[in-house]
Amino acid sequence: MKTIQPFGDRILVKMLEIPQQTASGIYLPDTSKEKPSEGEIIAIGEGSHLQEKLSVGDKIYFQKYSGSELKADGVSYLILEESHILARIIEIEKIPEPAQSRKK
């Protein structure tokens, strides 16, 4: 197993898998898939100002076709610059719908 530590303001991101099947059950060939733009932070460079805002394990959106792609131990990673990160993904529980008011 390799340990990869990015330098400066760079961030190591594990790309999230894209579903191979649509909601209607159609399987997508590799050639029709879009490049992922979501990932999970694996490591943050020591010179990055994002250490105050993001942490290892956070999920993020990043610019498509940005960063340098690499593979280690069969897993695809990206090394991104700080400026390539667009947003953090915050997962919240489903908000219950309000009860409908009843007319009397």
C-alpha atoms as a PDB file:
ATOM      1  CA  MET A   1       0.000   0.000   0.000  1.00  0.00           C
ATOM      2  CA  LYS A   2       1.261   3.457  -0.921  1.00  0.00           C
ATOM      3  CA  THR A   3       0.922   6.668   1.027  1.00  0.00           C
ATOM      4  CA  ILE A   4       0.517   9.774  -1.096  1.00  0.00           C
ATOM      5  CA  GLN A   5       0.921  13.177   0.566  1.00  0.00           C
ATOM      6  CA  PRO A   6       0.272  16.202  -1.668  1.00  0.00           C
ATOM      7  CA  PHE A   7       2.530  19.268  -1.426  1.00  0.00           C
ATOM      8  CA  GLY A   8       1.541  22.885  -0.907  1.00  0.00           C
ATOM      9  CA  ASP A   9      -2.040  23.834  -1.679  1.00  0.00           C
ATOM     10  CA  ARG A  10      -2.834  20.522  -3.372  1.00  0.00           C
ATOM     11  CA  ILE A  11      -5.403  17.972  -2.293  1.00  0.00           C
ATOM     12  CA  LEU A  12      -5.551  14.215  -2.941  1.00  0.00           C
ATOM     13  CA  VAL A  13      -9.062  13.118  -3.911  1.00  0.00           C
ATOM     14  CA  LYS A  14     -10.465   9.642  -4.512  1.00  0.00           C
ATOM     15  CA  MET A  15     -12.941   9.857  -7.369  1.00  0.00           C
ATOM     16  CA  LEU A  16     -16.403   8.557  -6.562  1.00  0.00           C
ATOM     17  CA  GLU A  17     -17.787   5.792  -8.765  1.00  0.00           C
ATOM     18  CA  ILE A  18     -20.342   6.686 -11.401  1.00  0.00           C
ATOM     19  CA  PRO A  19     -23.310   4.330 -11.562  1.00  0.00           C
ATOM     20  CA  GLN A  20     -23.109   1.984 -14.551  1.00  0.00           C
ATOM     21  CA  GLN A  21     -26.879   1.701 -14.785  1.00  0.00           C
ATOM     22  CA  THR A  22     -29.496   4.424 -15.213  1.00  0.00           C
ATOM     23  CA  ALA A  23     -32.575   4.711 -13.021  1.00  0.00           C
ATOM     24  CA  SER A  24     -34.596   3.037 -15.785  1.00  0.00           C
ATOM     25  CA  GLY A  25     -32.220   0.033 -15.858  1.00  0.00           C
ATOM     26  CA  ILE A  26     -30.147   0.829 -18.941  1.00  0.00           C
ATOM     27  CA  TYR A  27     -26.455  -0.104 -18.651  1.00  0.00           C
ATOM     28  CA  LEU A  28     -24.036   2.596 -19.790  1.00  0.00           C
ATOM     29  CA  PRO A  29     -20.890   1.705 -21.747  1.00  0.00           C
ATOM     30  CA  ASP A  30     -17.603   3.197 -20.534  1.00  0.00           C
ATOM     31  CA  THR A  31     -17.415   5.461 -23.596  1.00  0.00           C
ATOM     32  CA  SER A  32     -20.673   7.257 -22.737  1.00  0.00           C
ATOM     33  CA  LYS A  33     -19.855   7.988 -19.101  1.00  0.00           C
ATOM     34  CA  GLU A  34     -18.928  11.481 -18.023  1.00  0.00           C
ATOM     35  CA  LYS A  35     -15.738  12.132 -16.142  1.00  0.00           C
ATOM     36  CA  PRO A  36     -16.498  12.250 -12.398  1.00  0.00           C
ATOM     37  CA  SER A  37     -16.691  15.643 -10.732  1.00  0.00           C
ATOM     38  CA  GLU A  38     -17.236  14.352  -7.191  1.00  0.00           C
ATOM     39  CA  GLY A  39     -14.701  12.881  -4.832  1.00  0.00           C
ATOM     40  CA  GLU A  40     -13.654  12.167  -1.277  1.00  0.00           C
ATOM     41  CA  ILE A  41     -10.685  13.964   0.264  1.00  0.00           C
ATOM     42  CA  ILE A  42      -7.923  11.503   1.149  1.00  0.00           C
ATOM     43  CA  ALA A  43      -5.133  13.960   2.074  1.00  0.00           C
ATOM     44  CA  ILE A  44      -4.607  17.725   2.232  1.00  0.00           C
ATOM     45  CA  GLY A  45      -1.262  19.421   1.584  1.00  0.00           C
ATOM     46  CA  GLU A  46       0.297  21.144   4.582  1.00  0.00           C
ATOM     47  CA  GLY A  47       0.405  24.514   2.798  1.00  0.00           C
ATOM     48  CA  SER A  48      -3.311  24.511   1.996  1.00  0.00           C
ATOM     49  CA  HIS A  49      -5.625  27.070   3.548  1.00  0.00           C
ATOM     50  CA  LEU A  50      -8.447  24.584   3.099  1.00  0.00           C
ATOM     51  CA  GLN A  51      -7.330  22.651   6.194  1.00  0.00           C
ATOM     52  CA  GLU A  52      -9.431  25.145   8.150  1.00  0.00           C
ATOM     53  CA  LYS A  53     -12.544  24.473   6.039  1.00  0.00           C
ATOM     54  CA  LEU A  54     -12.221  20.876   4.854  1.00  0.00           C
ATOM     55  CA  SER A  55     -10.944  17.667   6.379  1.00  0.00           C
ATOM     56  CA  VAL A  56     -10.025  14.163   5.277  1.00  0.00           C
ATOM     57  CA  GLY A  57     -13.196  12.210   4.485  1.00  0.00           C
ATOM     58  CA  ASP A  58     -15.203  15.207   3.259  1.00  0.00           C
ATOM     59  CA  LYS A  59     -16.903  14.824  -0.110  1.00  0.00           C
ATOM     60  CA  ILE A  60     -16.472  17.621  -2.634  1.00  0.00           C
ATOM     61  CA  TYR A  61     -17.417  18.816  -6.106  1.00  0.00           C
ATOM     62  CA  PHE A  62     -14.524  19.843  -8.322  1.00  0.00           C
ATOM     63  CA  GLN A  63     -14.106  21.210 -11.845  1.00  0.00           C
ATOM     64  CA  LYS A  64     -14.352  18.624 -14.611  1.00  0.00           C
ATOM     65  CA  TYR A  65     -11.119  17.874 -16.435  1.00  0.00           C
ATOM     66  CA  SER A  66      -9.023  19.431 -13.665  1.00  0.00           C
ATOM     67  CA  GLY A  67      -6.124  18.054 -11.678  1.00  0.00           C
ATOM     68  CA  SER A  68      -3.654  15.287 -12.366  1.00  0.00           C
ATOM     69  CA  GLU A  69      -5.001  11.741 -12.445  1.00  0.00           C
ATOM     70  CA  LEU A  70      -3.023   8.861 -10.973  1.00  0.00           C
ATOM     71  CA  LYS A  71      -3.633   5.259  -9.957  1.00  0.00           C
ATOM     72  CA  ALA A  72      -2.260   3.601  -6.851  1.00  0.00           C
ATOM     73  CA  ASP A  73      -3.124   0.063  -5.796  1.00  0.00           C
ATOM     74  CA  GLY A  74      -5.823  -0.056  -8.492  1.00  0.00           C
ATOM     75  CA  VAL A  75      -7.672   3.026  -7.196  1.00  0.00           C
ATOM     76  CA  SER A  76      -8.069   6.236  -9.249  1.00  0.00           C
ATOM     77  CA  TYR A  77      -7.066   9.475  -7.547  1.00  0.00           C
ATOM     78  CA  LEU A  78      -6.786  13.110  -8.534  1.00  0.00           C
ATOM     79  CA  ILE A  79      -4.379  15.677  -7.203  1.00  0.00           C
ATOM     80  CA  LEU A  80      -6.238  18.975  -7.313  1.00  0.00           C
ATOM     81  CA  GLU A  81      -5.208  22.530  -6.655  1.00  0.00           C
ATOM     82  CA  GLU A  82      -7.186  24.461  -4.092  1.00  0.00           C
ATOM     83  CA  SER A  83      -8.775  26.618  -6.809  1.00  0.00           C
ATOM     84  CA  HIS A  84     -10.297  23.554  -8.558  1.00  0.00           C
ATOM     85  CA  ILE A  85     -12.611  22.761  -5.635  1.00  0.00           C
ATOM     86  CA  LEU A  86     -16.103  24.150  -6.121  1.00  0.00           C
ATOM     87  CA  ALA A  87     -18.044  23.021  -3.038  1.00  0.00           C
ATOM     88  CA  ARG A  88     -18.273  20.586  -0.155  1.00  0.00           C
ATOM     89  CA  ILE A  89     -21.097  18.043  -0.239  1.00  0.00           C
ATOM     90  CA  ILE A  90     -23.057  18.030   2.994  1.00  0.00           C
ATOM     91  CA  GLU A  91     -25.440  15.134   3.344  1.00  0.00           C
ATOM     92  CA  ILE A  92     -28.492  15.788   5.449  1.00  0.00           C
ATOM     93  CA  GLU A  93     -31.300  13.526   6.442  1.00  0.00           C
ATOM     94  CA  LYS A  94     -34.466  13.760   4.414  1.00  0.00           C
ATOM     95  CA  ILE A  95     -36.612  16.573   5.727  1.00  0.00           C
ATOM     96  CA  PRO A  96     -40.109  15.342   6.504  1.00  0.00           C
ATOM     97  CA  GLU A  97     -42.864  16.917   4.467  1.00  0.00           C
ATOM     98  CA  PRO A  98     -45.255  19.094   6.464  1.00  0.00           C
ATOM     99  CA  ALA A  99     -48.591  17.548   7.315  1.00  0.00           C
ATOM    100  CA  GLN A 100     -51.401  18.808   5.098  1.00  0.00           C
ATOM    101  CA  SER A 101     -53.842  21.028   6.876  1.00  0.00           C
ATOM    102  CA  ARG A 102     -57.333  19.619   7.098  1.00  0.00           C
ATOM    103  CA  LYS A 103     -60.335  21.740   6.331  1.00  0.00           C
ATOM    104  CA  LYS A 104     -63.248  21.468   8.750  1.00  0.00           C
END
